[in-house]
Amino acid sequence: MEFKYGLWSGVSSLFDEDERQLGEGNVSPMIFNHDIPTDVHSCKFSGSRDGKLINMSSLRSTMKYFYEASAITVAIRDYHMEQINKPINENPNIWDLYVIARASLALIAYRYRSENRPITDRMPNDLGSQYKMVTGIYVICREMVSAAHPAIKNNDSISAQELYDYADKHNLFESDTGMVCAGSARKIVEFLELAIQGRNHPEGAKLKLEKQGDHLDVLGRYAPDIKGWYSYAMLTIELDSFILMEVLERKLEANPSGKERIQSVIDIIRAQHSYWLELLERSDEPNTADFKQGALERQNAILTHLKKPPVKAISNKVFNARLHDKNQTEIAQ
């Protein structure tokens, strides 16, 4: 259920065809984490990763499908740019880059939820690799929100190198397990450039997206109902944002001494939330209803979209678990 897990935790425990979990050792919740044999080396890249452990097994699996995974990201990028009525040869601003990353997570969730696939079904390797690459954008944008960074506050355009440098400076390449991203700086920046520039990138020809509508062919492999996937993505993004605002409002009440910083983060998320609602063509603001009622209505809107029966209530246990979820509370620190 979307309220219980959210996009990030809802797909990290799934496996690809190489029998590796998408979230590797960072699967959340940890009860779903599997101890998978891993070839571990010491990182030799400069910066925050130097000398720390890297997962070579995951890197080898991911890099086999670098351009296939990049093509999926660019296809999502192009479709989103069309939905906001911007030419696909323009670069997305950072909020739209955030949507592209989160819509990528939703593509996996939608594949399972809309088609009633059992979780034992293995994720195609190219889509699994795309998850491992695009989550970096999600994490960077999420941390920028937490820091009330001016770029995300103002919805600026941002370069791949700026994203990489921010991640390196703030140790975002390091996971909860102490391992660091195994990809080279060159390939990480190349992927970020492809996500921003799309087929205009010098390596764009390797994506095999020659014609205007090719991105629809790519998306159709994973979401036969492309409009259905995109609507699902925006519904789940809006729900996550709705929950996060509640977490922060509660944090603000409990910690008045941190009021200025927390309020600045709330202001960013509220502005983003208005944008998500605009993309959904919805006008109801999150403070127009009791939080529990608002969450239930949103969950049921998603279930209706998936042609599944609505739920009558969300238990207090589930509410409390989600409001204290690590991925939510980290932003409120």
C-alpha atoms as a PDB file:
ATOM      1  CA  MET A   1       0.000   0.000   0.000  1.00  0.00           C
ATOM      2  CA  GLU A   2       1.362   3.409  -1.015  1.00  0.00           C
ATOM      3  CA  PHE A   3       0.741   5.103   2.318  1.00  0.00           C
ATOM      4  CA  LYS A   4       2.550   2.371   4.238  1.00  0.00           C
ATOM      5  CA  TYR A   5       5.770   2.335   2.220  1.00  0.00           C
ATOM      6  CA  GLY A   6       5.977   5.226  -0.230  1.00  0.00           C
ATOM      7  CA  LEU A   7       7.764   4.997  -3.564  1.00  0.00           C
ATOM      8  CA  TRP A   8      11.296   4.614  -2.199  1.00  0.00           C
ATOM      9  CA  SER A   9      10.728   1.782   0.261  1.00  0.00           C
ATOM     10  CA  GLY A  10       7.971   0.222  -1.820  1.00  0.00           C
ATOM     11  CA  VAL A  11      10.288  -1.048  -4.550  1.00  0.00           C
ATOM     12  CA  SER A  12      13.765  -1.319  -2.996  1.00  0.00           C
ATOM     13  CA  SER A  13      13.237  -4.909  -1.832  1.00  0.00           C
ATOM     14  CA  LEU A  14      12.424  -6.275  -5.311  1.00  0.00           C
ATOM     15  CA  PHE A  15      14.914  -8.434  -7.238  1.00  0.00           C
ATOM     16  CA  ASP A  16      16.244  -8.139 -10.777  1.00  0.00           C
ATOM     17  CA  GLU A  17      16.959 -11.017 -13.161  1.00  0.00           C
ATOM     18  CA  ASP A  18      20.515 -11.266 -11.787  1.00  0.00           C
ATOM     19  CA  GLU A  19      18.963 -12.084  -8.379  1.00  0.00           C
ATOM     20  CA  ARG A  20      20.168  -8.828  -6.827  1.00  0.00           C
ATOM     21  CA  GLN A  21      17.876  -6.621  -4.776  1.00  0.00           C
ATOM     22  CA  LEU A  22      17.273  -3.203  -6.278  1.00  0.00           C
ATOM     23  CA  GLY A  23      18.201  -1.503  -3.003  1.00  0.00           C
ATOM     24  CA  GLU A  24      21.168  -3.837  -2.426  1.00  0.00           C
ATOM     25  CA  GLY A  25      22.177  -3.567   1.255  1.00  0.00           C
ATOM     26  CA  ASN A  26      20.027  -0.485   1.793  1.00  0.00           C
ATOM     27  CA  VAL A  27      16.663  -2.188   1.370  1.00  0.00           C
ATOM     28  CA  SER A  28      13.990  -0.489   3.456  1.00  0.00           C
ATOM     29  CA  PRO A  29      12.337  -1.685   5.632  1.00  0.00           C
ATOM     30  CA  MET A  30      15.317  -3.780   6.711  1.00  0.00           C
ATOM     31  CA  ILE A  31      13.137  -6.821   7.454  1.00  0.00           C
ATOM     32  CA  PHE A  32      13.042  -7.349   3.668  1.00  0.00           C
ATOM     33  CA  ASN A  33      16.796  -7.036   3.241  1.00  0.00           C
ATOM     34  CA  HIS A  34      18.626 -10.144   1.987  1.00  0.00           C
ATOM     35  CA  ASP A  35      22.295 -10.803   2.601  1.00  0.00           C
ATOM     36  CA  ILE A  36      23.511 -11.328  -0.968  1.00  0.00           C
ATOM     37  CA  PRO A  37      27.134 -12.397  -1.703  1.00  0.00           C
ATOM     38  CA  THR A  38      29.074  -9.352  -2.838  1.00  0.00           C
ATOM     39  CA  ASP A  39      32.529  -8.755  -4.277  1.00  0.00           C
ATOM     40  CA  VAL A  40      33.835  -5.884  -2.149  1.00  0.00           C
ATOM     41  CA  HIS A  41      36.814  -3.683  -3.073  1.00  0.00           C
ATOM     42  CA  SER A  42      38.347  -0.506  -1.717  1.00  0.00           C
ATOM     43  CA  CYS A  43      37.390   2.637  -3.664  1.00  0.00           C
ATOM     44  CA  LYS A  44      40.231   4.377  -5.489  1.00  0.00           C
ATOM     45  CA  PHE A  45      38.286   7.429  -6.672  1.00  0.00           C
ATOM     46  CA  SER A  46      39.199  10.765  -5.151  1.00  0.00           C
ATOM     47  CA  GLY A  47      36.817  12.765  -2.980  1.00  0.00           C
ATOM     48  CA  SER A  48      34.491  11.544  -0.261  1.00  0.00           C
ATOM     49  CA  ARG A  49      34.589   7.921  -1.495  1.00  0.00           C
ATOM     50  CA  ASP A  50      38.363   7.403  -1.424  1.00  0.00           C
ATOM     51  CA  GLY A  51      39.400   4.302   0.512  1.00  0.00           C
ATOM     52  CA  LYS A  52      35.861   3.230   1.438  1.00  0.00           C
ATOM     53  CA  LEU A  53      34.247  -0.037   0.401  1.00  0.00           C
ATOM     54  CA  ILE A  54      32.471  -0.451  -2.942  1.00  0.00           C
ATOM     55  CA  ASN A  55      30.106  -3.163  -4.199  1.00  0.00           C
ATOM     56  CA  MET A  56      31.681  -4.436  -7.413  1.00  0.00           C
ATOM     57  CA  SER A  57      29.012  -7.113  -7.923  1.00  0.00           C
ATOM     58  CA  SER A  58      26.282  -4.503  -8.186  1.00  0.00           C
ATOM     59  CA  LEU A  59      28.449  -2.258 -10.375  1.00  0.00           C
ATOM     60  CA  ARG A  60      29.123  -5.013 -12.909  1.00  0.00           C
ATOM     61  CA  SER A  61      25.434  -5.878 -13.081  1.00  0.00           C
ATOM     62  CA  THR A  62      24.410  -2.240 -13.472  1.00  0.00           C
ATOM     63  CA  MET A  63      27.015  -1.188 -16.021  1.00  0.00           C
ATOM     64  CA  LYS A  64      26.017  -3.960 -18.455  1.00  0.00           C
ATOM     65  CA  TYR A  65      22.901  -1.904 -19.148  1.00  0.00           C
ATOM     66  CA  PHE A  66      24.216   1.637 -18.789  1.00  0.00           C
ATOM     67  CA  TYR A  67      22.784   3.008 -22.041  1.00  0.00           C
ATOM     68  CA  GLU A  68      19.602   0.920 -21.885  1.00  0.00           C
ATOM     69  CA  ALA A  69      18.988   2.302 -18.375  1.00  0.00           C
ATOM     70  CA  SER A  70      19.857   5.809 -19.545  1.00  0.00           C
ATOM     71  CA  ALA A  71      17.362   5.443 -22.408  1.00  0.00           C
ATOM     72  CA  ILE A  72      14.599   4.617 -19.901  1.00  0.00           C
ATOM     73  CA  THR A  73      15.509   7.729 -17.898  1.00  0.00           C
ATOM     74  CA  VAL A  74      15.485   9.911 -21.015  1.00  0.00           C
ATOM     75  CA  ALA A  75      12.152   8.402 -22.114  1.00  0.00           C
ATOM     76  CA  ILE A  76      10.639   9.363 -18.740  1.00  0.00           C
ATOM     77  CA  ARG A  77      12.259  12.787 -19.036  1.00  0.00           C
ATOM     78  CA  ASP A  78      10.828  13.360 -22.526  1.00  0.00           C
ATOM     79  CA  TYR A  79       7.335  12.243 -21.538  1.00  0.00           C
ATOM     80  CA  HIS A  80       7.321  14.503 -18.481  1.00  0.00           C
ATOM     81  CA  MET A  81       8.538  17.477 -20.528  1.00  0.00           C
ATOM     82  CA  GLU A  82       5.634  16.905 -22.922  1.00  0.00           C
ATOM     83  CA  GLN A  83       3.181  16.839 -20.009  1.00  0.00           C
ATOM     84  CA  ILE A  84       4.386  20.238 -18.764  1.00  0.00           C
ATOM     85  CA  ASN A  85       4.276  21.626 -22.316  1.00  0.00           C
ATOM     86  CA  LYS A  86       7.997  22.161 -22.665  1.00  0.00           C
ATOM     87  CA  PRO A  87      10.086  21.159 -25.695  1.00  0.00           C
ATOM     88  CA  ILE A  88      12.055  17.989 -25.041  1.00  0.00           C
ATOM     89  CA  ASN A  89      15.217  19.729 -26.247  1.00  0.00           C
ATOM     90  CA  GLU A  90      15.060  22.032 -23.206  1.00  0.00           C
ATOM     91  CA  ASN A  91      16.688  21.076 -19.925  1.00  0.00           C
ATOM     92  CA  PRO A  92      14.345  20.399 -16.998  1.00  0.00           C
ATOM     93  CA  ASN A  93      14.585  22.541 -13.875  1.00  0.00           C
ATOM     94  CA  ILE A  94      15.419  20.763 -10.637  1.00  0.00           C
ATOM     95  CA  TRP A  95      11.798  20.172  -9.525  1.00  0.00           C
ATOM     96  CA  ASP A  96      11.107  18.431 -12.813  1.00  0.00           C
ATOM     97  CA  LEU A  97      14.320  16.448 -12.468  1.00  0.00           C
ATOM     98  CA  TYR A  98      12.986  15.369  -9.063  1.00  0.00           C
ATOM     99  CA  VAL A  99       9.725  14.274 -10.707  1.00  0.00           C
ATOM    100  CA  ILE A 100      11.661  12.318 -13.344  1.00  0.00           C
ATOM    101  CA  ALA A 101      13.564  10.421 -10.638  1.00  0.00           C
ATOM    102  CA  ARG A 102      10.454   9.699  -8.587  1.00  0.00           C
ATOM    103  CA  ALA A 103       8.388   8.778 -11.651  1.00  0.00           C
ATOM    104  CA  SER A 104      11.123   6.217 -12.376  1.00  0.00           C
ATOM    105  CA  LEU A 105      10.466   4.600  -8.993  1.00  0.00           C
ATOM    106  CA  ALA A 106       6.748   4.747  -9.770  1.00  0.00           C
ATOM    107  CA  LEU A 107       7.299   2.959 -13.083  1.00  0.00           C
ATOM    108  CA  ILE A 108       8.514  -0.080 -11.156  1.00  0.00           C
ATOM    109  CA  ALA A 109       5.723   0.153  -8.565  1.00  0.00           C
ATOM    110  CA  TYR A 110       3.072   0.601 -11.249  1.00  0.00           C
ATOM    111  CA  ARG A 111       4.364  -2.431 -13.144  1.00  0.00           C
ATOM    112  CA  TYR A 112       3.632  -4.582 -10.094  1.00  0.00           C
ATOM    113  CA  ARG A 113       0.570  -2.847  -8.676  1.00  0.00           C
ATOM    114  CA  SER A 114      -1.416  -2.370 -11.878  1.00  0.00           C
ATOM    115  CA  GLU A 115      -0.755  -5.852 -13.264  1.00  0.00           C
ATOM    116  CA  ASN A 116      -1.004  -7.730  -9.944  1.00  0.00           C
ATOM    117  CA  ARG A 117       2.428  -9.218 -10.462  1.00  0.00           C
ATOM    118  CA  PRO A 118       3.707 -11.291  -7.531  1.00  0.00           C
ATOM    119  CA  ILE A 119       6.763  -9.830  -5.853  1.00  0.00           C
ATOM    120  CA  THR A 120       8.610 -12.995  -6.843  1.00  0.00           C
ATOM    121  CA  ASP A 121       8.557 -11.758 -10.460  1.00  0.00           C
ATOM    122  CA  ARG A 122      12.027 -10.543 -11.379  1.00  0.00           C
ATOM    123  CA  MET A 123      12.622  -7.026 -12.622  1.00  0.00           C
ATOM    124  CA  PRO A 124      14.128  -6.750 -16.127  1.00  0.00           C
ATOM    125  CA  ASN A 125      17.818  -6.019 -15.689  1.00  0.00           C
ATOM    126  CA  ASP A 126      17.734  -2.781 -17.661  1.00  0.00           C
ATOM    127  CA  LEU A 127      14.904  -1.430 -15.474  1.00  0.00           C
ATOM    128  CA  GLY A 128      16.671  -2.653 -12.330  1.00  0.00           C
ATOM    129  CA  SER A 129      19.852  -0.894 -13.429  1.00  0.00           C
ATOM    130  CA  GLN A 130      17.898   2.267 -14.130  1.00  0.00           C
ATOM    131  CA  TYR A 131      16.572   2.197 -10.570  1.00  0.00           C
ATOM    132  CA  LYS A 132      20.102   1.943  -9.151  1.00  0.00           C
ATOM    133  CA  MET A 133      21.276   4.867 -11.258  1.00  0.00           C
ATOM    134  CA  VAL A 134      18.320   7.232 -11.027  1.00  0.00           C
ATOM    135  CA  THR A 135      17.925   6.922  -7.252  1.00  0.00           C
ATOM    136  CA  GLY A 136      21.049   9.045  -6.996  1.00  0.00           C
ATOM    137  CA  ILE A 137      19.090  11.974  -8.421  1.00  0.00           C
ATOM    138  CA  TYR A 138      16.264  11.293  -5.983  1.00  0.00           C
ATOM    139  CA  VAL A 139      18.649  11.252  -3.003  1.00  0.00           C
ATOM    140  CA  ILE A 140      20.468  14.431  -4.073  1.00  0.00           C
ATOM    141  CA  CYS A 141      17.213  16.354  -4.588  1.00  0.00           C
ATOM    142  CA  ARG A 142      15.801  15.036  -1.314  1.00  0.00           C
ATOM    143  CA  GLU A 143      18.895  16.157   0.589  1.00  0.00           C
ATOM    144  CA  MET A 144      18.795  19.571  -1.086  1.00  0.00           C
ATOM    145  CA  VAL A 145      15.233  19.953   0.195  1.00  0.00           C
ATOM    146  CA  SER A 146      16.372  18.986   3.691  1.00  0.00           C
ATOM    147  CA  ALA A 147      19.121  21.610   3.547  1.00  0.00           C
ATOM    148  CA  ALA A 148      16.766  24.232   2.038  1.00  0.00           C
ATOM    149  CA  HIS A 149      19.337  24.641  -0.734  1.00  0.00           C
ATOM    150  CA  PRO A 150      18.725  27.792  -2.837  1.00  0.00           C
ATOM    151  CA  ALA A 151      18.696  25.819  -6.116  1.00  0.00           C
ATOM    152  CA  ILE A 152      15.753  23.665  -5.052  1.00  0.00           C
ATOM    153  CA  LYS A 153      14.086  26.515  -3.195  1.00  0.00           C
ATOM    154  CA  ASN A 154      14.052  28.599  -6.387  1.00  0.00           C
ATOM    155  CA  ASN A 155      13.509  25.659  -8.781  1.00  0.00           C
ATOM    156  CA  ASP A 156      16.654  26.572 -10.699  1.00  0.00           C
ATOM    157  CA  SER A 157      18.243  24.762 -13.584  1.00  0.00           C
ATOM    158  CA  ILE A 158      21.270  22.785 -12.445  1.00  0.00           C
ATOM    159  CA  SER A 159      24.177  21.069 -14.161  1.00  0.00           C
ATOM    160  CA  ALA A 160      25.294  17.478 -13.819  1.00  0.00           C
ATOM    161  CA  GLN A 161      28.608  18.597 -12.369  1.00  0.00           C
ATOM    162  CA  GLU A 162      26.844  20.695  -9.722  1.00  0.00           C
ATOM    163  CA  LEU A 163      24.756  17.666  -8.718  1.00  0.00           C
ATOM    164  CA  TYR A 164      27.854  15.465  -8.547  1.00  0.00           C
ATOM    165  CA  ASP A 165      29.822  18.022  -6.521  1.00  0.00           C
ATOM    166  CA  TYR A 166      26.941  18.443  -4.074  1.00  0.00           C
ATOM    167  CA  ALA A 167      26.702  14.689  -3.555  1.00  0.00           C
ATOM    168  CA  ASP A 168      30.451  14.396  -3.056  1.00  0.00           C
ATOM    169  CA  LYS A 169      30.659  17.333  -0.648  1.00  0.00           C
ATOM    170  CA  HIS A 170      27.796  16.062   1.516  1.00  0.00           C
ATOM    171  CA  ASN A 171      28.828  12.367   1.484  1.00  0.00           C
ATOM    172  CA  LEU A 172      25.676  11.335  -0.363  1.00  0.00           C
ATOM    173  CA  PHE A 173      27.569   8.623  -2.220  1.00  0.00           C
ATOM    174  CA  GLU A 174      27.830   6.704   1.059  1.00  0.00           C
ATOM    175  CA  SER A 175      25.061   4.275   1.999  1.00  0.00           C
ATOM    176  CA  ASP A 176      23.666   3.248   5.367  1.00  0.00           C
ATOM    177  CA  THR A 177      25.914   0.177   5.255  1.00  0.00           C
ATOM    178  CA  GLY A 178      29.072   2.269   4.951  1.00  0.00           C
ATOM    179  CA  MET A 179      29.676   1.321   1.322  1.00  0.00           C
ATOM    180  CA  VAL A 180      29.994   4.029  -1.316  1.00  0.00           C
ATOM    181  CA  CYS A 181      28.815   4.300  -4.918  1.00  0.00           C
ATOM    182  CA  ALA A 182      31.094   2.167  -7.072  1.00  0.00           C
ATOM    183  CA  GLY A 183      30.609   4.087 -10.328  1.00  0.00           C
ATOM    184  CA  SER A 184      33.374   6.275 -11.696  1.00  0.00           C
ATOM    185  CA  ALA A 185      32.945  10.036 -11.501  1.00  0.00           C
ATOM    186  CA  ARG A 186      32.953  10.150 -15.312  1.00  0.00           C
ATOM    187  CA  LYS A 187      30.071   7.680 -15.706  1.00  0.00           C
ATOM    188  CA  ILE A 188      28.049   9.221 -12.881  1.00  0.00           C
ATOM    189  CA  VAL A 189      28.327  12.670 -14.467  1.00  0.00           C
ATOM    190  CA  GLU A 190      27.544  11.200 -17.898  1.00  0.00           C
ATOM    191  CA  PHE A 191      24.348   9.636 -16.573  1.00  0.00           C
ATOM    192  CA  LEU A 192      23.347  12.897 -14.857  1.00  0.00           C
ATOM    193  CA  GLU A 193      24.029  14.771 -18.101  1.00  0.00           C
ATOM    194  CA  LEU A 194      21.885  12.330 -20.070  1.00  0.00           C
ATOM    195  CA  ALA A 195      19.060  12.714 -17.546  1.00  0.00           C
ATOM    196  CA  ILE A 196      19.223  16.501 -17.932  1.00  0.00           C
ATOM    197  CA  GLN A 197      20.099  16.927 -21.612  1.00  0.00           C
ATOM    198  CA  GLY A 198      18.391  13.864 -23.034  1.00  0.00           C
ATOM    199  CA  ARG A 199      19.090  12.934 -26.619  1.00  0.00           C
ATOM    200  CA  ASN A 200      20.896  16.268 -27.112  1.00  0.00           C
ATOM    201  CA  HIS A 201      23.849  14.862 -25.170  1.00  0.00           C
ATOM    202  CA  PRO A 202      26.943  13.979 -27.245  1.00  0.00           C
ATOM    203  CA  GLU A 203      26.378  10.323 -26.325  1.00  0.00           C
ATOM    204  CA  GLY A 204      22.656  10.585 -27.118  1.00  0.00           C
ATOM    205  CA  ALA A 205      22.944   8.414 -30.227  1.00  0.00           C
ATOM    206  CA  LYS A 206      23.770   5.434 -27.998  1.00  0.00           C
ATOM    207  CA  LEU A 207      20.290   5.706 -26.488  1.00  0.00           C
ATOM    208  CA  LYS A 208      18.753   4.665 -29.832  1.00  0.00           C
ATOM    209  CA  LEU A 209      16.038   7.334 -29.573  1.00  0.00           C
ATOM    210  CA  GLU A 210      16.184   8.629 -33.121  1.00  0.00           C
ATOM    211  CA  LYS A 211      12.564   9.671 -33.691  1.00  0.00           C
ATOM    212  CA  GLN A 212      10.253  12.012 -31.805  1.00  0.00           C
ATOM    213  CA  GLY A 213       8.011   9.256 -30.471  1.00  0.00           C
ATOM    214  CA  ASP A 214      10.680   6.701 -29.595  1.00  0.00           C
ATOM    215  CA  HIS A 215      10.357   7.455 -25.894  1.00  0.00           C
ATOM    216  CA  LEU A 216       6.793   6.127 -26.009  1.00  0.00           C
ATOM    217  CA  ASP A 217       8.079   2.830 -27.407  1.00  0.00           C
ATOM    218  CA  VAL A 218      10.570   2.577 -24.544  1.00  0.00           C
ATOM    219  CA  LEU A 219       7.974   3.346 -21.869  1.00  0.00           C
ATOM    220  CA  GLY A 220       5.471   0.973 -23.450  1.00  0.00           C
ATOM    221  CA  ARG A 221       7.744  -1.974 -22.702  1.00  0.00           C
ATOM    222  CA  TYR A 222       7.223  -1.438 -18.978  1.00  0.00           C
ATOM    223  CA  ALA A 223       3.895   0.395 -18.760  1.00  0.00           C
ATOM    224  CA  PRO A 224       1.419  -0.584 -21.490  1.00  0.00           C
ATOM    225  CA  ASP A 225      -0.830   2.179 -20.114  1.00  0.00           C
ATOM    226  CA  ILE A 226       1.632   5.079 -20.175  1.00  0.00           C
ATOM    227  CA  LYS A 227      -0.905   7.701 -19.123  1.00  0.00           C
ATOM    228  CA  GLY A 228      -1.976   5.417 -16.291  1.00  0.00           C
ATOM    229  CA  TRP A 229       1.628   5.125 -15.074  1.00  0.00           C
ATOM    230  CA  TYR A 230       2.202   8.888 -15.192  1.00  0.00           C
ATOM    231  CA  SER A 231      -1.012   9.619 -13.281  1.00  0.00           C
ATOM    232  CA  TYR A 232      -0.036   6.966 -10.731  1.00  0.00           C
ATOM    233  CA  ALA A 233       3.403   8.563 -10.408  1.00  0.00           C
ATOM    234  CA  MET A 234       1.972  12.015  -9.701  1.00  0.00           C
ATOM    235  CA  LEU A 235      -0.622  10.635  -7.253  1.00  0.00           C
ATOM    236  CA  THR A 236       2.079   8.838  -5.280  1.00  0.00           C
ATOM    237  CA  ILE A 237       4.485  11.797  -5.410  1.00  0.00           C
ATOM    238  CA  GLU A 238       1.731  14.059  -4.082  1.00  0.00           C
ATOM    239  CA  LEU A 239       0.894  11.573  -1.314  1.00  0.00           C
ATOM    240  CA  ASP A 240       4.543  11.359  -0.238  1.00  0.00           C
ATOM    241  CA  SER A 241       4.730  15.148  -0.128  1.00  0.00           C
ATOM    242  CA  PHE A 242       1.498  15.327   1.874  1.00  0.00           C
ATOM    243  CA  ILE A 243       2.913  12.910   4.465  1.00  0.00           C
ATOM    244  CA  LEU A 244       6.235  14.730   4.647  1.00  0.00           C
ATOM    245  CA  MET A 245       4.538  18.049   5.404  1.00  0.00           C
ATOM    246  CA  GLU A 246       2.731  16.414   8.314  1.00  0.00           C
ATOM    247  CA  VAL A 247       6.027  14.986   9.631  1.00  0.00           C
ATOM    248  CA  LEU A 248       7.623  18.420   9.459  1.00  0.00           C
ATOM    249  CA  GLU A 249       4.672  20.219  11.045  1.00  0.00           C
ATOM    250  CA  ARG A 250       4.860  17.792  13.967  1.00  0.00           C
ATOM    251  CA  LYS A 251       8.625  18.297  14.155  1.00  0.00           C
ATOM    252  CA  LEU A 252       8.082  22.034  14.270  1.00  0.00           C
ATOM    253  CA  GLU A 253       5.660  21.728  17.171  1.00  0.00           C
ATOM    254  CA  ALA A 254       8.052  19.483  19.083  1.00  0.00           C
ATOM    255  CA  ASN A 255      11.174  21.550  18.391  1.00  0.00           C
ATOM    256  CA  PRO A 256      10.443  25.298  18.420  1.00  0.00           C
ATOM    257  CA  SER A 257      14.177  26.031  18.700  1.00  0.00           C
ATOM    258  CA  GLY A 258      14.674  24.806  15.138  1.00  0.00           C
ATOM    259  CA  LYS A 259      11.737  26.765  13.814  1.00  0.00           C
ATOM    260  CA  GLU A 260      13.518  28.836  11.162  1.00  0.00           C
ATOM    261  CA  ARG A 261      15.222  25.916   9.401  1.00  0.00           C
ATOM    262  CA  ILE A 262      12.245  23.563   9.606  1.00  0.00           C
ATOM    263  CA  GLN A 263       9.898  26.286   8.392  1.00  0.00           C
ATOM    264  CA  SER A 264      12.137  26.964   5.396  1.00  0.00           C
ATOM    265  CA  VAL A 265      11.987  23.263   4.464  1.00  0.00           C
ATOM    266  CA  ILE A 266       8.203  23.225   4.917  1.00  0.00           C
ATOM    267  CA  ASP A 267       7.925  26.255   2.625  1.00  0.00           C
ATOM    268  CA  ILE A 268       9.879  24.442  -0.114  1.00  0.00           C
ATOM    269  CA  ILE A 269       7.799  21.277   0.179  1.00  0.00           C
ATOM    270  CA  ARG A 270       4.562  23.277   0.238  1.00  0.00           C
ATOM    271  CA  ALA A 271       5.602  25.088  -2.952  1.00  0.00           C
ATOM    272  CA  GLN A 272       6.529  21.786  -4.595  1.00  0.00           C
ATOM    273  CA  HIS A 273       3.279  20.267  -3.415  1.00  0.00           C
ATOM    274  CA  SER A 274       1.317  23.026  -5.125  1.00  0.00           C
ATOM    275  CA  TYR A 275       3.201  22.177  -8.313  1.00  0.00           C
ATOM    276  CA  TRP A 276       2.405  18.459  -7.947  1.00  0.00           C
ATOM    277  CA  LEU A 277      -1.272  19.367  -7.493  1.00  0.00           C
ATOM    278  CA  GLU A 278      -1.109  21.543 -10.592  1.00  0.00           C
ATOM    279  CA  LEU A 279       0.232  18.613 -12.594  1.00  0.00           C
ATOM    280  CA  LEU A 280      -2.599  16.491 -11.188  1.00  0.00           C
ATOM    281  CA  GLU A 281      -5.104  19.248 -11.977  1.00  0.00           C
ATOM    282  CA  ARG A 282      -6.219  19.121  -8.361  1.00  0.00           C
ATOM    283  CA  SER A 283      -6.812  22.161  -6.181  1.00  0.00           C
ATOM    284  CA  ASP A 284      -7.358  20.687  -2.704  1.00  0.00           C
ATOM    285  CA  GLU A 285      -4.603  21.812  -0.345  1.00  0.00           C
ATOM    286  CA  PRO A 286      -3.395  19.380   2.331  1.00  0.00           C
ATOM    287  CA  ASN A 287      -4.643  21.511   5.233  1.00  0.00           C
ATOM    288  CA  THR A 288      -8.264  21.431   4.051  1.00  0.00           C
ATOM    289  CA  ALA A 289      -8.835  18.072   5.744  1.00  0.00           C
ATOM    290  CA  ASP A 290      -7.784  16.194   8.834  1.00  0.00           C
ATOM    291  CA  PHE A 291      -4.470  14.508   8.080  1.00  0.00           C
ATOM    292  CA  LYS A 292      -5.748  10.981   8.584  1.00  0.00           C
ATOM    293  CA  GLN A 293      -8.791  11.653   6.433  1.00  0.00           C
ATOM    294  CA  GLY A 294      -6.672  13.336   3.779  1.00  0.00           C
ATOM    295  CA  ALA A 295      -4.262  10.393   3.724  1.00  0.00           C
ATOM    296  CA  LEU A 296      -7.116   7.898   3.430  1.00  0.00           C
ATOM    297  CA  GLU A 297      -8.716   9.855   0.586  1.00  0.00           C
ATOM    298  CA  ARG A 298      -5.404   9.964  -1.274  1.00  0.00           C
ATOM    299  CA  GLN A 299      -4.719   6.264  -0.762  1.00  0.00           C
ATOM    300  CA  ASN A 300      -8.174   5.408  -2.027  1.00  0.00           C
ATOM    301  CA  ALA A 301      -7.742   7.692  -5.038  1.00  0.00           C
ATOM    302  CA  ILE A 302      -4.669   5.633  -5.916  1.00  0.00           C
ATOM    303  CA  LEU A 303      -6.489   2.346  -5.349  1.00  0.00           C
ATOM    304  CA  THR A 304      -9.356   3.513  -7.564  1.00  0.00           C
ATOM    305  CA  HIS A 305      -6.817   4.459 -10.221  1.00  0.00           C
ATOM    306  CA  LEU A 306      -5.379   0.926  -9.973  1.00  0.00           C
ATOM    307  CA  LYS A 307      -8.930  -0.529 -10.197  1.00  0.00           C
ATOM    308  CA  LYS A 308      -8.621  -1.964  -6.707  1.00  0.00           C
ATOM    309  CA  PRO A 309     -11.202  -1.785  -3.907  1.00  0.00           C
ATOM    310  CA  PRO A 310     -10.836   1.123  -1.472  1.00  0.00           C
ATOM    311  CA  VAL A 311      -9.845   0.629   2.159  1.00  0.00           C
ATOM    312  CA  LYS A 312     -12.124   1.760   4.979  1.00  0.00           C
ATOM    313  CA  ALA A 313      -9.340   2.936   7.244  1.00  0.00           C
ATOM    314  CA  ILE A 314      -5.577   3.076   7.758  1.00  0.00           C
ATOM    315  CA  SER A 315      -4.583   1.679  11.143  1.00  0.00           C
ATOM    316  CA  ASN A 316      -2.882   3.793  13.793  1.00  0.00           C
ATOM    317  CA  LYS A 317       0.029   1.342  13.710  1.00  0.00           C
ATOM    318  CA  VAL A 318       0.585   2.024  10.017  1.00  0.00           C
ATOM    319  CA  PHE A 319       0.213   5.782  10.544  1.00  0.00           C
ATOM    320  CA  ASN A 320       2.782   5.809  13.327  1.00  0.00           C
ATOM    321  CA  ALA A 321       5.234   3.625  11.406  1.00  0.00           C
ATOM    322  CA  ARG A 322       5.101   5.845   8.339  1.00  0.00           C
ATOM    323  CA  LEU A 323       5.329   9.118  10.263  1.00  0.00           C
ATOM    324  CA  HIS A 324       8.450   7.798  11.986  1.00  0.00           C
ATOM    325  CA  ASP A 325       9.928   6.188   8.892  1.00  0.00           C
ATOM    326  CA  LYS A 326      13.659   6.855   8.618  1.00  0.00           C
ATOM    327  CA  ASN A 327      13.393   8.240   5.091  1.00  0.00           C
ATOM    328  CA  GLN A 328      10.855  10.803   6.304  1.00  0.00           C
ATOM    329  CA  THR A 329      12.475  11.790   9.571  1.00  0.00           C
ATOM    330  CA  GLU A 330      15.914  12.276   7.978  1.00  0.00           C
ATOM    331  CA  ILE A 331      14.547  15.290   6.115  1.00  0.00           C
ATOM    332  CA  ALA A 332      13.214  16.708   9.373  1.00  0.00           C
ATOM    333  CA  GLN A 333      16.560  16.467  11.227  1.00  0.00           C
END
